[in-house]
Amino acid sequence: MKTRANNLIHHPEQVPVEIQALGYSEAYPGPVTGGCQGELAVHCVSRFRVGAVVELHVPELDAGTRLHGHVIWFHKAGHGYLVGISFYGEDEAFRMRMIEQLCHIEAYRKDVEIEQGRMLTREEAAAEWIARFSEDFPEVRPM
């Protein structure tokens, strides 16, 4: 069985994510993934309080990439903060994982262009990324 650290997905900094605080709830001091393991770590300039209810959006992908969760931890990292977010329910946790795979594929596409000078379509980047990295991508598992 995987440990919590193995279920932590780090959002790639090459793909901007917008995080908006929607409120705060004392009722959710820890992970509330509705029986799922998995959380997201996002580097951001702003600090969010533990318990903050947040909405995440990845504008580069599309309008359907909005996710809702809450902050379960944070710490200072570089010129900002690394924020840990847990998600509401199994469906939202699995959506987060799928959206994050798309983000990692987009980051891979950008890195290949910079480092190798190869221009890949999103489909080509997806095929390469899946072949090279998908097996090691953290899982979101029902508990």
Foldseek 3Di string as FASTA:
>chain_A
DDDLVLQEAEFDPVFDKDKDFPAFDPVDQAAAAPQKRHKYKYWDADDDDFRTWMWMDGVVPHPPLIFIWTWNDWDDDDNHIITITHHHYPVRRVSVLVVSLLSVLVVQQVCCCVPVVDHDDSVRSSVVCCVPPVVSGGDIGGD
